[in-house]
Amino acid sequence: MYSEDDSQALHRTVADQAVALKGRGVPAYLNMDGIIEAAQESNCDAIHP
């Protein structure tokens, strides 16, 4: 998972799979509803805190 402004960040570019979160910066990573929505859309079965 990555925020809109991290689309070119190393953690996004080297990942096997990456899912975009809605929003930019820290608020995107703290938006639990957005994280759960992204996880469900990608059939994720676990999230590391």
N, C-alpha and C. Protein backbone atom coordinates (compact mmCIF):
# COMPACT_ATOMS: atom_id res chain seq x y z
N MET A 1 0.84 -1.16 0.00
CA MET A 1 0.00 0.00 0.00
C MET A 1 0.89 1.22 0.00
N TYR A 2 0.45 2.23 -0.75
CA TYR A 2 1.21 3.47 -0.84
C TYR A 2 0.25 4.63 -1.08
N SER A 3 0.65 5.79 -0.62
CA SER A 3 -0.16 6.99 -0.85
C SER A 3 0.12 7.53 -2.24
N GLU A 4 -0.74 8.41 -2.71
CA GLU A 4 -0.60 8.96 -4.06
C GLU A 4 0.77 9.58 -4.29
N ASP A 5 1.31 10.28 -3.29
CA ASP A 5 2.60 10.93 -3.48
C ASP A 5 3.78 9.98 -3.32
N ASP A 6 3.55 8.73 -2.95
CA ASP A 6 4.61 7.73 -2.85
C ASP A 6 4.62 6.78 -4.04
N SER A 7 4.00 7.16 -5.14
CA SER A 7 3.88 6.25 -6.29
C SER A 7 5.23 5.86 -6.88
N GLN A 8 6.26 6.66 -6.67
CA GLN A 8 7.59 6.34 -7.19
C GLN A 8 8.57 5.96 -6.07
N ALA A 9 8.07 5.77 -4.87
CA ALA A 9 8.91 5.43 -3.72
C ALA A 9 9.45 4.00 -3.83
N LEU A 10 10.60 3.77 -3.24
CA LEU A 10 11.25 2.46 -3.31
C LEU A 10 10.34 1.34 -2.79
N HIS A 11 9.66 1.56 -1.67
CA HIS A 11 8.82 0.50 -1.12
C HIS A 11 7.69 0.12 -2.07
N ARG A 12 7.30 1.01 -2.96
CA ARG A 12 6.26 0.72 -3.95
C ARG A 12 6.86 0.05 -5.19
N THR A 13 8.00 0.53 -5.64
CA THR A 13 8.56 0.03 -6.90
C THR A 13 9.17 -1.36 -6.79
N VAL A 14 9.62 -1.77 -5.60
CA VAL A 14 10.23 -3.09 -5.46
C VAL A 14 9.26 -4.16 -4.96
N ALA A 15 8.05 -3.75 -4.64
CA ALA A 15 7.05 -4.70 -4.13
C ALA A 15 6.54 -5.61 -5.24
N ASP A 16 6.20 -6.84 -4.88
CA ASP A 16 5.58 -7.77 -5.83
C ASP A 16 4.20 -7.28 -6.24
N GLN A 17 3.49 -6.69 -5.31
CA GLN A 17 2.16 -6.14 -5.57
C GLN A 17 2.02 -4.87 -4.75
N ALA A 18 1.44 -3.85 -5.33
CA ALA A 18 1.25 -2.59 -4.61
C ALA A 18 -0.16 -2.06 -4.89
N VAL A 19 -0.79 -1.56 -3.85
CA VAL A 19 -2.15 -1.05 -3.95
C VAL A 19 -2.13 0.42 -3.54
N ALA A 20 -2.70 1.26 -4.37
CA ALA A 20 -2.74 2.70 -4.08
C ALA A 20 -3.81 3.02 -3.06
N LEU A 21 -3.45 3.83 -2.10
CA LEU A 21 -4.40 4.36 -1.13
C LEU A 21 -4.90 5.70 -1.65
N LYS A 22 -6.10 6.07 -1.27
CA LYS A 22 -6.63 7.37 -1.65
C LYS A 22 -6.05 8.43 -0.72
N GLY A 23 -5.54 9.47 -1.28
CA GLY A 23 -4.99 10.56 -0.48
C GLY A 23 -3.49 10.65 -0.58
N ARG A 24 -2.97 11.68 0.07
CA ARG A 24 -1.54 11.95 0.02
C ARG A 24 -0.97 11.99 1.43
N GLY A 25 0.28 11.58 1.55
CA GLY A 25 1.02 11.70 2.80
C GLY A 25 0.48 10.86 3.93
N VAL A 26 0.81 11.29 5.13
CA VAL A 26 0.46 10.56 6.35
C VAL A 26 -1.04 10.28 6.48
N PRO A 27 -1.92 11.23 6.15
CA PRO A 27 -3.35 10.95 6.30
C PRO A 27 -3.81 9.71 5.53
N ALA A 28 -3.21 9.43 4.38
CA ALA A 28 -3.60 8.24 3.61
C ALA A 28 -3.26 6.97 4.38
N TYR A 29 -2.12 6.97 5.07
CA TYR A 29 -1.70 5.79 5.83
C TYR A 29 -2.46 5.64 7.15
N LEU A 30 -3.07 6.70 7.63
CA LEU A 30 -3.83 6.65 8.88
C LEU A 30 -5.33 6.47 8.65
N ASN A 31 -5.76 6.44 7.42
CA ASN A 31 -7.18 6.29 7.08
C ASN A 31 -7.52 4.80 7.10
N MET A 32 -7.97 4.31 8.25
CA MET A 32 -8.24 2.88 8.40
C MET A 32 -9.31 2.38 7.44
N ASP A 33 -10.34 3.17 7.19
CA ASP A 33 -11.38 2.75 6.24
C ASP A 33 -10.78 2.57 4.85
N GLY A 34 -9.90 3.48 4.44
CA GLY A 34 -9.25 3.37 3.14
C GLY A 34 -8.33 2.17 3.05
N ILE A 35 -7.62 1.88 4.13
CA ILE A 35 -6.72 0.72 4.16
C ILE A 35 -7.52 -0.57 4.08
N ILE A 36 -8.59 -0.67 4.84
CA ILE A 36 -9.43 -1.87 4.80
C ILE A 36 -10.06 -2.04 3.43
N GLU A 37 -10.52 -0.95 2.83
CA GLU A 37 -11.11 -1.02 1.49
C GLU A 37 -10.08 -1.52 0.47
N ALA A 38 -8.86 -0.98 0.52
CA ALA A 38 -7.81 -1.41 -0.40
C ALA A 38 -7.46 -2.88 -0.18
N ALA A 39 -7.42 -3.31 1.08
CA ALA A 39 -7.11 -4.71 1.39
C ALA A 39 -8.19 -5.64 0.86
N GLN A 40 -9.44 -5.27 1.03
CA GLN A 40 -10.54 -6.10 0.54
C GLN A 40 -10.54 -6.18 -0.98
N GLU A 41 -10.28 -5.06 -1.65
CA GLU A 41 -10.26 -5.04 -3.11
C GLU A 41 -9.14 -5.91 -3.69
N SER A 42 -8.05 -6.08 -2.93
CA SER A 42 -6.93 -6.87 -3.42
C SER A 42 -6.92 -8.28 -2.82
N ASN A 43 -8.01 -8.66 -2.15
CA ASN A 43 -8.15 -9.99 -1.53
C ASN A 43 -7.05 -10.28 -0.51
N CYS A 44 -6.65 -9.26 0.20
CA CYS A 44 -5.63 -9.39 1.24
C CYS A 44 -6.23 -10.13 2.43
N ASP A 45 -5.44 -11.00 3.06
CA ASP A 45 -5.95 -11.72 4.22
C ASP A 45 -5.22 -11.35 5.51
N ALA A 46 -4.26 -10.43 5.43
CA ALA A 46 -3.56 -9.97 6.63
C ALA A 46 -2.95 -8.60 6.35
N ILE A 47 -2.84 -7.80 7.40
CA ILE A 47 -2.22 -6.49 7.30
C ILE A 47 -1.21 -6.36 8.43
N HIS A 48 0.03 -6.02 8.08
CA HIS A 48 1.07 -5.80 9.09
C HIS A 48 0.92 -4.37 9.60
N PRO A 49 0.84 -4.21 10.92
CA PRO A 49 0.64 -2.85 11.46
C PRO A 49 1.84 -1.94 11.23
